Structures are given as structure tokens and as C-alpha cells.
């Protein structure tokens, strides 16, 4: 079994990168380390590992974007399994494993020998995602987060909150959009559209607390037109998975595909990766990915707390 660490050299601080290299040597003897050289390279490295035909565990060392690239390269390849070693602050997908997730996924010895599970993937216009797809003001907020992460003393959650305030207060909440979810159709102003395979996005927002990455279901929340006052009133409960308490504001759908379109290009964000088009279809992919994790962690909602 090969253990291949695909490291994003721009994720985290230089000290974290040095410590990671030391931990790999100490905890996973024989582990191979490769560094990405730009966008798309992690996906290419994962594909090359699959083409070699040998069983391999791929460690995406970075944030959600690095994980997304490795997943896209490894999806559907039976000899490969994937995990995420957290660097920096943007590791929303790992939050499904509970408050000890960062500690656990930094324990490379336990990670290297941990169990694995086949996780569903979402196909968004050809790009695969493992966590969350969003396409309302939440997507525009996520697309702008990078502008604020560079500010001194601003955490990942803090950058998300700053982006939220700027977008909601100064850029407007809603856009006209047609959304088709099974037999449900919403055609009109839309504030939030969130499609969950995982449970977390936006630096810790958890819109659907019961979402599971291996249940064959996409959990979708749609918020039609709301005022700024109403938005700020319900965003707290929304971020804590209390959508069922607000049926007057939040529509929910649980199925296998969602289509949304608009006259002007829509911003959609897939695990932090930004896409723009006038029409999107998000569906469960026929491909899955084997995801491995420390045996003392679990991703079920009742235990990952």
C-alpha cells in the first residue's frame, strides 16, 4: 500500500509545512510527499496515482479546495482512498467528524491505518463535490471570503462573517432564479440555495445537521425572497441546522438532483471552488470515493459532536 501525501504549499504557514514533513517521516515511514505547483495539479497527481494501478491512500494536505481536487482525480478508482490532512483554516468537510476532527486528522499514524467508507459525490456541471454546493447569497459570500482571509487576526469564520455583512448590507440578498427540485418548482427571487452531501460550509455553518455523506440523498434548502431584517433574524438558526423550525422561510427537499437557472450568470460554489453559468444541475454522481479516517472518530450526526 502506497501512502501519498499531496501537499498544497500555499496552505497554512511555513512552520505548519515543516511540522507536517517531520510528522510524515516519523509516523508514516515510506510515505511519499509531492507538492502541487498550481490549480489542477492535485487532481492530476491523484489521476497519476490511479493510473499506476497499485493500492494507494491519498492524503490531501491543505483545505477544502485541495481535498476537492484530489477527490475529482480519485473518484471512481477502486484502488484509491482519500483523506484530508488539515492545513490552514478552511477544512469544513472534516467538521462532520466532530470537535476532535482537526486533532484526529493530524494524527497521521492513526489516519494511515484507519477504516474507510464509500462516500457519495455531487456532480455540479461536471465538477464533483463531496461537501456542499451553494448558489445564493451564500455562494457570493463564499466566493468573496478570500478577500478577507488576508486581513490580520481574521480567522476563517471571521472572514466568512465579514463577507456576509458586505454582501448582505451593500450588494443585496436576492437574485431571480428558477429552481426545480423533484416535483417542486420555485421561480422567483431567491436568497439562499444550499445543497448538502456533507454538513458544514462557510467556516462552520451547519444548515442540515442530519445530512450524511453516504446515504444516497442530497439535502437541499431554499430560502425565497427575504428582507435584510428577516435574513439576520434567521441566519443564526439556519447556521445551526434548525431549518425545520422556520417552514415559512426555508423550503427543504431531499432527493437526488436539483436544477437551477437564471437569465444572468449565477455564482455557484462547490467545496469552495467557484463556478459561474446561467444553468446548473447538481445530481448524485454515479462515482463514489473511499474516504478514510481515524478509527476513534465517527461521522454520524449523533456521535460527531
Protein backbone atom coordinates (compact mmCIF):
# COMPACT_ATOMS: atom_id res chain seq x y z
CA UNK A 1 0.00 0.00 0.00
CA UNK A 2 1.38 3.37 -1.04
CA UNK A 3 0.79 6.42 1.13
CA UNK A 4 0.97 9.57 -0.99
CA UNK A 5 0.82 12.99 0.64
CA UNK A 6 -0.32 15.60 -1.88
CA UNK A 7 0.67 18.89 -0.26
CA UNK A 8 -0.60 22.33 -1.22
CA UNK A 9 2.43 24.52 -0.40
CA UNK A 10 0.26 27.66 -0.18
CA UNK A 11 -1.96 26.22 2.59
CA UNK A 12 -1.06 27.10 6.16
CA UNK A 13 2.12 28.71 7.42
CA UNK A 14 5.69 27.66 6.66
CA UNK A 15 6.03 26.28 10.19
CA UNK A 16 2.98 24.03 9.66
CA UNK A 17 4.51 22.76 6.43
CA UNK A 18 7.79 21.88 8.18
CA UNK A 19 5.99 20.15 11.03
CA UNK A 20 3.93 18.15 8.53
CA UNK A 21 7.06 16.89 6.79
CA UNK A 22 8.51 15.83 10.16
CA UNK A 23 5.31 14.03 11.16
CA UNK A 24 5.14 12.16 7.86
CA UNK A 25 8.69 10.86 8.32
CA UNK A 26 8.03 9.85 11.94
CA UNK A 27 4.50 8.46 11.72
CA UNK A 28 4.19 7.05 8.18
CA UNK A 29 7.56 5.52 7.24
CA UNK A 30 7.81 5.25 3.47
CA UNK A 31 5.21 7.92 2.91
CA UNK A 32 5.67 9.73 -0.41
CA UNK A 33 5.41 13.53 -0.45
CA UNK A 34 4.56 15.51 -3.58
CA UNK A 35 3.90 19.24 -3.77
CA UNK A 36 1.36 20.86 -6.05
CA UNK A 37 2.53 23.62 -8.37
CA UNK A 38 -0.78 25.33 -9.14
CA UNK A 39 -4.52 24.90 -9.68
CA UNK A 40 -5.47 21.47 -11.01
CA UNK A 41 -2.17 19.81 -10.14
CA UNK A 42 -3.57 17.88 -7.15
CA UNK A 43 -6.22 16.38 -9.42
CA UNK A 44 -3.53 15.39 -11.92
CA UNK A 45 -1.41 13.78 -9.20
CA UNK A 46 -4.40 11.76 -7.99
CA UNK A 47 -5.12 10.56 -11.51
CA UNK A 48 -1.50 9.53 -11.96
CA UNK A 49 -1.68 7.53 -8.72
CA UNK A 50 -4.77 5.75 -10.01
CA UNK A 51 -3.17 5.04 -13.38
CA UNK A 52 -0.28 3.26 -11.61
CA UNK A 53 -2.75 0.53 -10.65
CA UNK A 54 -1.37 -0.02 -7.14
CA UNK A 55 -3.50 0.36 -3.99
CA UNK A 56 -2.81 3.79 -2.55
CA UNK A 57 -4.05 6.11 0.14
CA UNK A 58 -4.03 9.77 -0.90
CA UNK A 59 -3.67 12.46 1.75
CA UNK A 60 -4.92 15.85 0.54
CA UNK A 61 -2.81 18.19 2.68
CA UNK A 62 -4.49 21.58 2.64
CA UNK A 63 -8.02 22.94 2.79
CA UNK A 64 -11.31 22.03 1.19
CA UNK A 65 -10.08 23.12 -2.24
CA UNK A 66 -7.14 20.70 -2.11
CA UNK A 67 -9.48 17.92 -0.98
CA UNK A 68 -11.85 18.74 -3.84
CA UNK A 69 -9.09 18.40 -6.41
CA UNK A 70 -7.88 15.08 -5.03
CA UNK A 71 -11.45 13.76 -4.88
CA UNK A 72 -12.03 14.73 -8.52
CA UNK A 73 -8.89 12.85 -9.52
CA UNK A 74 -9.59 9.75 -7.42
CA UNK A 75 -13.37 9.39 -7.83
CA UNK A 76 -14.45 6.00 -9.10
CA UNK A 77 -10.95 4.48 -8.93
CA UNK A 78 -11.22 1.29 -6.81
CA UNK A 79 -7.53 1.20 -5.88
CA UNK A 80 -7.56 4.66 -4.31
CA UNK A 81 -8.78 6.03 -1.00
CA UNK A 82 -8.72 9.70 0.01
CA UNK A 83 -8.48 11.74 3.19
CA UNK A 84 -7.75 15.33 4.25
CA UNK A 85 -4.86 16.46 6.45
CA UNK A 86 -5.87 19.93 7.68
CA UNK A 87 -3.59 22.87 6.97
CA UNK A 88 -4.70 26.47 7.37
CA UNK A 89 -8.29 27.14 8.46
CA UNK A 90 -10.60 26.00 5.65
CA UNK A 91 -11.44 22.37 6.41
CA UNK A 92 -15.22 22.46 6.61
CA UNK A 93 -15.80 18.94 5.35
CA UNK A 94 -13.85 17.38 8.23
CA UNK A 95 -16.20 19.00 10.75
CA UNK A 96 -18.64 16.10 10.21
CA UNK A 97 -16.22 14.08 12.37
CA UNK A 98 -16.85 16.27 15.40
CA UNK A 99 -14.87 18.70 17.56
CA UNK A 100 -11.77 16.46 17.59
CA UNK A 101 -11.61 16.30 13.79
CA UNK A 102 -8.62 18.61 13.36
CA UNK A 103 -6.67 16.75 16.02
CA UNK A 104 -7.65 13.34 14.65
CA UNK A 105 -6.85 14.05 11.02
CA UNK A 106 -3.48 15.46 12.08
CA UNK A 107 -2.67 12.13 13.77
CA UNK A 108 -1.05 10.59 10.70
CA UNK A 109 -0.28 7.23 12.32
CA UNK A 110 -3.93 6.66 13.28
CA UNK A 111 -5.10 8.08 9.96
CA UNK A 112 -2.87 5.79 7.91
CA UNK A 113 -4.33 2.64 9.45
CA UNK A 114 -7.90 3.90 9.90
CA UNK A 115 -11.09 2.49 8.33
CA UNK A 116 -12.64 3.82 5.14
CA UNK A 117 -16.17 4.33 3.87
CA UNK A 118 -17.60 4.91 0.40
CA UNK A 119 -18.87 8.50 0.27
CA UNK A 120 -21.35 9.91 -2.23
CA UNK A 121 -20.30 12.69 -4.56
CA UNK A 122 -22.26 15.51 -6.15
CA UNK A 123 -21.85 16.30 -9.85
CA UNK A 124 -22.27 20.04 -10.50
CA UNK A 125 -22.00 20.66 -14.24
CA UNK A 126 -19.15 18.14 -14.39
CA UNK A 127 -17.27 19.22 -11.25
CA UNK A 128 -17.53 16.73 -8.41
CA UNK A 129 -18.07 17.84 -4.84
CA UNK A 130 -18.02 15.95 -1.54
CA UNK A 131 -19.34 18.61 0.85
CA UNK A 132 -21.72 21.42 -0.05
CA UNK A 133 -22.85 23.25 -3.19
CA UNK A 134 -24.37 26.70 -2.70
CA UNK A 135 -25.79 29.15 -5.22
CA UNK A 136 -27.48 32.07 -3.47
CA UNK A 137 -26.09 34.93 -1.44
CA UNK A 138 -24.27 32.19 0.48
CA UNK A 139 -22.31 31.41 -2.69
CA UNK A 140 -21.48 35.04 -3.33
CA UNK A 141 -20.36 35.32 0.29
CA UNK A 142 -18.16 32.22 -0.07
CA UNK A 143 -16.70 33.46 -3.36
CA UNK A 144 -15.59 36.70 -1.67
CA UNK A 145 -14.16 35.16 1.52
CA UNK A 146 -10.60 35.08 0.16
CA UNK A 147 -10.61 38.89 0.11
CA UNK A 148 -10.86 38.97 3.88
CA UNK A 149 -8.73 35.99 4.94
CA UNK A 150 -5.55 38.00 4.41
CA UNK A 151 -6.58 40.61 6.99
CA UNK A 152 -4.68 40.50 10.30
CA UNK A 153 -6.33 38.49 13.09
CA UNK A 154 -9.19 37.34 10.84
CA UNK A 155 -9.99 33.62 11.12
CA UNK A 156 -11.78 31.51 8.53
CA UNK A 157 -15.08 32.05 10.35
CA UNK A 158 -14.33 35.75 10.76
CA UNK A 159 -13.63 36.15 7.05
CA UNK A 160 -16.94 34.46 6.27
CA UNK A 161 -18.82 36.80 8.63
CA UNK A 162 -17.17 39.87 7.08
CA UNK A 163 -18.07 38.69 3.60
CA UNK A 164 -21.63 38.01 4.77
CA UNK A 165 -22.01 41.54 6.13
CA UNK A 166 -20.63 43.20 2.99
CA UNK A 167 -22.73 41.13 0.60
CA UNK A 168 -25.97 41.40 2.55
CA UNK A 169 -25.71 45.06 3.52
CA UNK A 170 -24.26 46.52 0.34
CA UNK A 171 -24.74 44.10 -2.56
CA UNK A 172 -28.25 42.79 -1.95
CA UNK A 173 -29.53 39.41 -0.89
CA UNK A 174 -31.68 38.01 -3.70
CA UNK A 175 -31.39 37.17 -7.38
CA UNK A 176 -34.11 35.93 -9.78
CA UNK A 177 -33.68 32.19 -10.24
CA UNK A 178 -35.72 29.17 -11.26
CA UNK A 179 -35.09 26.07 -9.14
CA UNK A 180 -36.51 22.60 -9.83
CA UNK A 181 -36.31 20.02 -7.04
CA UNK A 182 -38.18 16.85 -7.87
CA UNK A 183 -41.77 17.97 -8.32
CA UNK A 184 -41.16 21.31 -6.59
CA UNK A 185 -40.51 24.45 -8.60
CA UNK A 186 -39.55 27.88 -7.32
CA UNK A 187 -39.42 30.62 -9.93
CA UNK A 188 -38.59 33.99 -8.45
CA UNK A 189 -36.33 35.91 -6.14
CA UNK A 190 -34.00 33.59 -4.22
CA UNK A 191 -31.81 34.38 -1.24
CA UNK A 192 -30.17 31.04 -0.44
CA UNK A 193 -29.82 27.71 -2.22
CA UNK A 194 -27.75 25.14 -0.35
CA UNK A 195 -27.23 21.52 -1.46
CA UNK A 196 -25.67 19.28 1.17
CA UNK A 197 -23.85 15.99 0.94
CA UNK A 198 -21.70 16.95 3.92
CA UNK A 199 -22.92 19.11 6.79
CA UNK A 200 -20.69 22.18 7.01
CA UNK A 201 -19.63 25.13 4.90
CA UNK A 202 -18.76 28.79 5.31
CA UNK A 203 -16.35 28.36 8.22
CA UNK A 204 -18.71 26.29 10.36
CA UNK A 205 -22.29 26.89 9.19
CA UNK A 206 -24.31 23.67 9.50
CA UNK A 207 -27.59 24.10 7.57
CA UNK A 208 -28.68 20.43 7.65
CA UNK A 209 -27.48 18.69 10.79
CA UNK A 210 -28.72 15.26 9.73
CA UNK A 211 -27.00 15.23 6.31
CA UNK A 212 -24.90 12.11 5.73
CA UNK A 213 -22.25 11.69 3.02
CA UNK A 214 -23.15 8.06 2.39
CA UNK A 215 -26.96 7.93 2.43
CA UNK A 216 -27.62 8.48 -1.30
CA UNK A 217 -29.58 11.67 -0.61
CA UNK A 218 -28.93 15.34 -1.31
CA UNK A 219 -30.40 17.61 1.37
CA UNK A 220 -31.46 20.91 -0.18
CA UNK A 221 -32.54 24.16 1.48
CA UNK A 222 -34.02 27.09 -0.45
CA UNK A 223 -34.82 30.50 1.01
CA UNK A 224 -37.02 32.70 -1.21
CA UNK A 225 -37.01 36.49 -1.07
CA UNK A 226 -36.48 37.89 2.42
CA UNK A 227 -35.71 41.32 3.82
CA UNK A 228 -32.37 42.12 5.42
CA UNK A 229 -34.05 42.25 8.83
CA UNK A 230 -35.54 38.79 8.36
CA UNK A 231 -32.27 37.44 6.97
CA UNK A 232 -30.30 38.48 10.03
CA UNK A 233 -33.04 37.12 12.28
CA UNK A 234 -32.95 33.59 10.89
CA UNK A 235 -29.30 33.23 9.79
CA UNK A 236 -28.32 32.07 13.29
CA UNK A 237 -30.87 29.23 13.45
CA UNK A 238 -30.10 28.41 9.80
CA UNK A 239 -26.40 28.05 10.59
CA UNK A 240 -27.21 25.60 13.40
CA UNK A 241 -29.40 23.26 11.35
CA UNK A 242 -32.74 24.45 12.73
CA UNK A 243 -34.41 24.86 9.34
CA UNK A 244 -37.47 22.80 10.34
CA UNK A 245 -38.37 25.50 12.87
CA UNK A 246 -38.83 28.01 10.03
CA UNK A 247 -41.05 26.41 7.37
CA UNK A 248 -42.40 29.86 6.49
CA UNK A 249 -38.90 30.98 5.45
CA UNK A 250 -36.99 27.86 4.42
CA UNK A 251 -38.08 25.18 1.96
CA UNK A 252 -36.40 21.78 2.21
CA UNK A 253 -36.08 18.97 -0.33
CA UNK A 254 -34.36 15.62 -0.03
CA UNK A 255 -33.62 13.80 -3.28
CA UNK A 256 -31.08 13.02 -5.99
CA UNK A 257 -30.95 16.12 -8.22
CA UNK A 258 -31.58 19.85 -8.36
CA UNK A 259 -31.57 22.19 -11.37
CA UNK A 260 -31.37 25.97 -11.16
CA UNK A 261 -31.08 28.65 -13.83
CA UNK A 262 -31.24 32.40 -14.34
CA UNK A 263 -31.03 34.94 -17.19
CA UNK A 264 -27.69 36.24 -15.88
CA UNK A 265 -24.75 34.08 -14.76
CA UNK A 266 -25.17 32.51 -11.32
CA UNK A 267 -22.29 32.10 -8.87
CA UNK A 268 -22.15 28.53 -7.57
CA UNK A 269 -19.55 27.30 -5.10
CA UNK A 270 -18.60 23.61 -4.88
CA UNK A 271 -16.46 22.81 -1.82
CA UNK A 272 -15.00 26.30 -2.09
CA UNK A 273 -14.44 26.11 -5.86
CA UNK A 274 -16.23 28.96 -7.68
CA UNK A 275 -18.22 28.34 -10.88
CA UNK A 276 -20.36 30.72 -12.97
CA UNK A 277 -23.02 29.79 -15.53
CA UNK A 278 -26.65 30.51 -16.34
CA UNK A 279 -27.79 26.93 -15.68
CA UNK A 280 -26.64 24.26 -13.28
CA UNK A 281 -27.68 20.73 -12.49
CA UNK A 282 -26.45 19.16 -9.27
CA UNK A 283 -27.05 15.43 -9.01
CA UNK A 284 -25.70 12.43 -7.18
CA UNK A 285 -22.78 11.13 -9.19
CA UNK A 286 -22.54 7.50 -10.20
CA UNK A 287 -18.99 7.72 -8.87
CA UNK A 288 -18.09 7.44 -5.21
CA UNK A 289 -14.86 7.95 -3.31
CA UNK A 290 -13.40 5.84 -0.50
CA UNK A 291 -12.68 8.19 2.42
CA UNK A 292 -10.51 7.05 5.32
CA UNK A 293 -10.36 8.46 8.83
CA UNK A 294 -9.02 7.70 12.35
CA UNK A 295 -10.85 4.78 13.94
CA UNK A 296 -11.68 6.80 17.06
CA UNK A 297 -13.75 9.33 15.09
CA UNK A 298 -17.17 8.91 13.51
CA UNK A 299 -19.16 10.98 11.02
CA UNK A 300 -22.72 10.19 12.14
CA UNK A 301 -24.63 13.24 13.45
CA UNK A 302 -25.26 11.77 16.91
CA UNK A 303 -21.63 10.92 17.63
CA UNK A 304 -19.77 13.69 15.76
CA UNK A 305 -20.38 16.33 18.39
